[in-house]
């Protein structure tokens, strides 16, 4: 299960999203993994996007994984990375908070839509299926 450390404003997503990732983390299901989530303004995420990705524009989510891929995540509880989210950019892109959060967590788990779109879509579908079960 994934525990999201996010502000109270967005806490309704915590339990739903954590359960949605149980299938992806099924081999490590007995453990709880934490993700720290920071909510920022467009200026801040633009600076971070430039600093870490050399892209000089704001975005909706940035992921900072501690592990290279899902198999590298240790079989014990602990933090798997950080997410930086910008709700104003989500609005500009017509994305929900949940969509950006899922996108970021998939990156934290080592999935990359630019390198392997089929694997990304497969795991995105797992999350979507679980979302319907928990709704």
C-alpha atoms as a PDB file:
ATOM      1  CA  UNK A   1       0.000   0.000   0.000  1.00  0.00           C
ATOM      2  CA  UNK A   2       1.125   3.554  -0.652  1.00  0.00           C
ATOM      3  CA  UNK A   3       0.671   6.200   2.022  1.00  0.00           C
ATOM      4  CA  UNK A   4       0.485   9.717   0.633  1.00  0.00           C
ATOM      5  CA  UNK A   5       1.719  12.513   2.870  1.00  0.00           C
ATOM      6  CA  UNK A   6      -0.330  15.366   1.414  1.00  0.00           C
ATOM      7  CA  UNK A   7      -2.135  18.406   2.717  1.00  0.00           C
ATOM      8  CA  UNK A   8      -5.592  18.040   4.283  1.00  0.00           C
ATOM      9  CA  UNK A   9      -7.183  19.730   1.261  1.00  0.00           C
ATOM     10  CA  UNK A  10      -6.362  16.720  -0.925  1.00  0.00           C
ATOM     11  CA  UNK A  11      -6.596  13.953   1.688  1.00  0.00           C
ATOM     12  CA  UNK A  12      -9.795  12.374   0.240  1.00  0.00           C
ATOM     13  CA  UNK A  13      -7.587  10.852  -2.458  1.00  0.00           C
ATOM     14  CA  UNK A  14      -5.201   9.144  -0.055  1.00  0.00           C
ATOM     15  CA  UNK A  15      -7.079   5.900   0.697  1.00  0.00           C
ATOM     16  CA  UNK A  16      -8.526   5.542  -2.785  1.00  0.00           C
ATOM     17  CA  UNK A  17      -5.197   5.973  -4.541  1.00  0.00           C
ATOM     18  CA  UNK A  18      -3.303   3.805  -2.067  1.00  0.00           C
ATOM     19  CA  UNK A  19      -5.645   0.899  -2.701  1.00  0.00           C
ATOM     20  CA  UNK A  20      -5.464   1.516  -6.449  1.00  0.00           C
ATOM     21  CA  UNK A  21      -1.742   0.750  -6.416  1.00  0.00           C
ATOM     22  CA  UNK A  22      -2.024  -2.530  -4.498  1.00  0.00           C
ATOM     23  CA  UNK A  23      -2.080  -4.538  -7.745  1.00  0.00           C
ATOM     24  CA  UNK A  24       1.057  -2.850  -9.056  1.00  0.00           C
ATOM     25  CA  UNK A  25       2.848  -3.415  -5.735  1.00  0.00           C
ATOM     26  CA  UNK A  26       1.378  -6.903  -5.233  1.00  0.00           C
ATOM     27  CA  UNK A  27       4.798  -8.516  -4.618  1.00  0.00           C
ATOM     28  CA  UNK A  28       5.429  -6.013  -1.814  1.00  0.00           C
ATOM     29  CA  UNK A  29       1.822  -5.711  -0.649  1.00  0.00           C
ATOM     30  CA  UNK A  30       2.482  -6.419   3.023  1.00  0.00           C
ATOM     31  CA  UNK A  31       4.479  -3.222   3.290  1.00  0.00           C
ATOM     32  CA  UNK A  32       3.529   0.438   3.342  1.00  0.00           C
ATOM     33  CA  UNK A  33       5.404   2.854   1.117  1.00  0.00           C
ATOM     34  CA  UNK A  34       5.266   6.601   1.666  1.00  0.00           C
ATOM     35  CA  UNK A  35       5.250   9.381  -0.888  1.00  0.00           C
ATOM     36  CA  UNK A  36       5.782  12.979   0.174  1.00  0.00           C
ATOM     37  CA  UNK A  37       3.674  15.373  -1.878  1.00  0.00           C
ATOM     38  CA  UNK A  38       4.363  19.086  -2.109  1.00  0.00           C
ATOM     39  CA  UNK A  39       1.866  21.529  -3.620  1.00  0.00           C
ATOM     40  CA  UNK A  40       3.458  24.538  -5.350  1.00  0.00           C
ATOM     41  CA  UNK A  41       2.746  27.538  -7.579  1.00  0.00           C
ATOM     42  CA  UNK A  42       3.624  27.613 -11.318  1.00  0.00           C
ATOM     43  CA  UNK A  43       6.774  29.709 -10.741  1.00  0.00           C
ATOM     44  CA  UNK A  44       8.187  27.116  -8.341  1.00  0.00           C
ATOM     45  CA  UNK A  45       7.462  24.085 -10.505  1.00  0.00           C
ATOM     46  CA  UNK A  46       8.899  25.915 -13.525  1.00  0.00           C
ATOM     47  CA  UNK A  47      12.191  26.463 -11.660  1.00  0.00           C
ATOM     48  CA  UNK A  48      12.272  22.820 -10.566  1.00  0.00           C
ATOM     49  CA  UNK A  49      11.418  21.599 -14.062  1.00  0.00           C
ATOM     50  CA  UNK A  50      14.296  23.631 -15.472  1.00  0.00           C
ATOM     51  CA  UNK A  51      16.740  22.603 -12.747  1.00  0.00           C
ATOM     52  CA  UNK A  52      16.079  18.877 -12.990  1.00  0.00           C
ATOM     53  CA  UNK A  53      14.787  18.365 -16.550  1.00  0.00           C
ATOM     54  CA  UNK A  54      16.189  21.396 -18.404  1.00  0.00           C
ATOM     55  CA  UNK A  55      12.680  22.294 -19.557  1.00  0.00           C
ATOM     56  CA  UNK A  56      11.969  25.981 -19.059  1.00  0.00           C
ATOM     57  CA  UNK A  57       8.203  25.844 -18.496  1.00  0.00           C
ATOM     58  CA  UNK A  58       5.825  24.887 -15.703  1.00  0.00           C
ATOM     59  CA  UNK A  59       4.177  21.464 -15.573  1.00  0.00           C
ATOM     60  CA  UNK A  60       1.488  19.767 -13.514  1.00  0.00           C
ATOM     61  CA  UNK A  61       3.627  17.140 -11.739  1.00  0.00           C
ATOM     62  CA  UNK A  62       7.273  16.290 -11.156  1.00  0.00           C
ATOM     63  CA  UNK A  63       8.391  12.946  -9.739  1.00  0.00           C
ATOM     64  CA  UNK A  64      11.566  12.354  -7.783  1.00  0.00           C
ATOM     65  CA  UNK A  65      11.904   8.582  -7.292  1.00  0.00           C
ATOM     66  CA  UNK A  66      14.383   7.097  -4.855  1.00  0.00           C
ATOM     67  CA  UNK A  67      14.576   3.858  -6.832  1.00  0.00           C
ATOM     68  CA  UNK A  68      15.244   3.108 -10.484  1.00  0.00           C
ATOM     69  CA  UNK A  69      12.275   0.797 -11.020  1.00  0.00           C
ATOM     70  CA  UNK A  70       9.623  -1.256  -9.268  1.00  0.00           C
ATOM     71  CA  UNK A  71      11.979  -4.213  -8.737  1.00  0.00           C
ATOM     72  CA  UNK A  72      14.530  -1.981  -6.998  1.00  0.00           C
ATOM     73  CA  UNK A  73      12.043  -0.874  -4.323  1.00  0.00           C
ATOM     74  CA  UNK A  74      13.074  -2.724  -1.163  1.00  0.00           C
ATOM     75  CA  UNK A  75      10.817  -5.290   0.454  1.00  0.00           C
ATOM     76  CA  UNK A  76      10.261  -3.236   3.580  1.00  0.00           C
ATOM     77  CA  UNK A  77       8.251  -0.159   4.381  1.00  0.00           C
ATOM     78  CA  UNK A  78       9.705   3.225   3.571  1.00  0.00           C
ATOM     79  CA  UNK A  79       9.581   6.277   1.375  1.00  0.00           C
ATOM     80  CA  UNK A  80       9.760   5.702  -2.385  1.00  0.00           C
ATOM     81  CA  UNK A  81      10.093   9.315  -3.475  1.00  0.00           C
ATOM     82  CA  UNK A  82       8.649  12.794  -3.671  1.00  0.00           C
ATOM     83  CA  UNK A  83       6.053  14.417  -5.875  1.00  0.00           C
ATOM     84  CA  UNK A  84       5.659  18.107  -6.625  1.00  0.00           C
ATOM     85  CA  UNK A  85       2.215  19.077  -7.881  1.00  0.00           C
ATOM     86  CA  UNK A  86       0.928  22.336  -9.289  1.00  0.00           C
ATOM     87  CA  UNK A  87      -2.898  22.538  -9.258  1.00  0.00           C
ATOM     88  CA  UNK A  88      -2.874  25.700 -11.384  1.00  0.00           C
ATOM     89  CA  UNK A  89      -1.087  23.825 -14.183  1.00  0.00           C
ATOM     90  CA  UNK A  90      -3.540  20.932 -13.815  1.00  0.00           C
ATOM     91  CA  UNK A  91      -6.336  23.425 -14.437  1.00  0.00           C
ATOM     92  CA  UNK A  92      -4.535  24.786 -17.506  1.00  0.00           C
ATOM     93  CA  UNK A  93      -4.162  21.231 -18.886  1.00  0.00           C
ATOM     94  CA  UNK A  94      -7.719  20.258 -17.865  1.00  0.00           C
ATOM     95  CA  UNK A  95      -6.400  17.500 -15.597  1.00  0.00           C
ATOM     96  CA  UNK A  96      -7.808  16.456 -12.258  1.00  0.00           C
ATOM     97  CA  UNK A  97      -5.662  16.351  -9.156  1.00  0.00           C
ATOM     98  CA  UNK A  98      -6.126  12.576  -9.150  1.00  0.00           C
ATOM     99  CA  UNK A  99      -4.909  12.214 -12.766  1.00  0.00           C
ATOM    100  CA  UNK A 100      -1.714  14.154 -12.064  1.00  0.00           C
ATOM    101  CA  UNK A 101      -1.145  12.274  -8.813  1.00  0.00           C
ATOM    102  CA  UNK A 102      -1.518   8.901 -10.538  1.00  0.00           C
ATOM    103  CA  UNK A 103       0.830  10.042 -13.309  1.00  0.00           C
ATOM    104  CA  UNK A 104       3.450  11.041 -10.756  1.00  0.00           C
ATOM    105  CA  UNK A 105       3.146   7.841  -8.726  1.00  0.00           C
ATOM    106  CA  UNK A 106       3.528   5.696 -11.846  1.00  0.00           C
ATOM    107  CA  UNK A 107       6.813   7.521 -12.489  1.00  0.00           C
ATOM    108  CA  UNK A 108       7.867   6.919  -8.861  1.00  0.00           C
ATOM    109  CA  UNK A 109       7.275   3.201  -9.411  1.00  0.00           C
ATOM    110  CA  UNK A 110       9.635   3.252 -12.385  1.00  0.00           C
ATOM    111  CA  UNK A 111       7.186   3.371 -15.278  1.00  0.00           C
ATOM    112  CA  UNK A 112       7.965   5.772 -18.131  1.00  0.00           C
ATOM    113  CA  UNK A 113       5.469   6.558 -20.889  1.00  0.00           C
ATOM    114  CA  UNK A 114       8.248   7.945 -23.091  1.00  0.00           C
ATOM    115  CA  UNK A 115      10.375   4.757 -22.937  1.00  0.00           C
ATOM    116  CA  UNK A 116       7.690   2.062 -22.801  1.00  0.00           C
ATOM    117  CA  UNK A 117       4.204   3.281 -23.612  1.00  0.00           C
ATOM    118  CA  UNK A 118       2.694  -0.235 -23.605  1.00  0.00           C
ATOM    119  CA  UNK A 119       3.914  -0.958 -20.062  1.00  0.00           C
ATOM    120  CA  UNK A 120       2.750   2.496 -18.920  1.00  0.00           C
ATOM    121  CA  UNK A 121      -0.724   1.968 -20.371  1.00  0.00           C
ATOM    122  CA  UNK A 122      -0.979  -1.521 -18.868  1.00  0.00           C
ATOM    123  CA  UNK A 123      -0.238  -0.208 -15.377  1.00  0.00           C
ATOM    124  CA  UNK A 124      -2.425   2.851 -15.886  1.00  0.00           C
ATOM    125  CA  UNK A 125      -5.299   0.470 -16.692  1.00  0.00           C
ATOM    126  CA  UNK A 126      -4.632  -1.450 -13.462  1.00  0.00           C
ATOM    127  CA  UNK A 127      -5.062   1.792 -11.558  1.00  0.00           C
ATOM    128  CA  UNK A 128      -8.218   2.717 -13.493  1.00  0.00           C
ATOM    129  CA  UNK A 129      -9.749  -0.707 -12.782  1.00  0.00           C
ATOM    130  CA  UNK A 130      -9.053  -0.337  -9.084  1.00  0.00           C
ATOM    131  CA  UNK A 131     -10.463   3.181  -9.063  1.00  0.00           C
ATOM    132  CA  UNK A 132     -13.799   1.799 -10.245  1.00  0.00           C
ATOM    133  CA  UNK A 133     -13.740  -0.891  -7.551  1.00  0.00           C
ATOM    134  CA  UNK A 134     -13.091   1.592  -4.756  1.00  0.00           C
ATOM    135  CA  UNK A 135     -15.500   4.293  -5.905  1.00  0.00           C
END
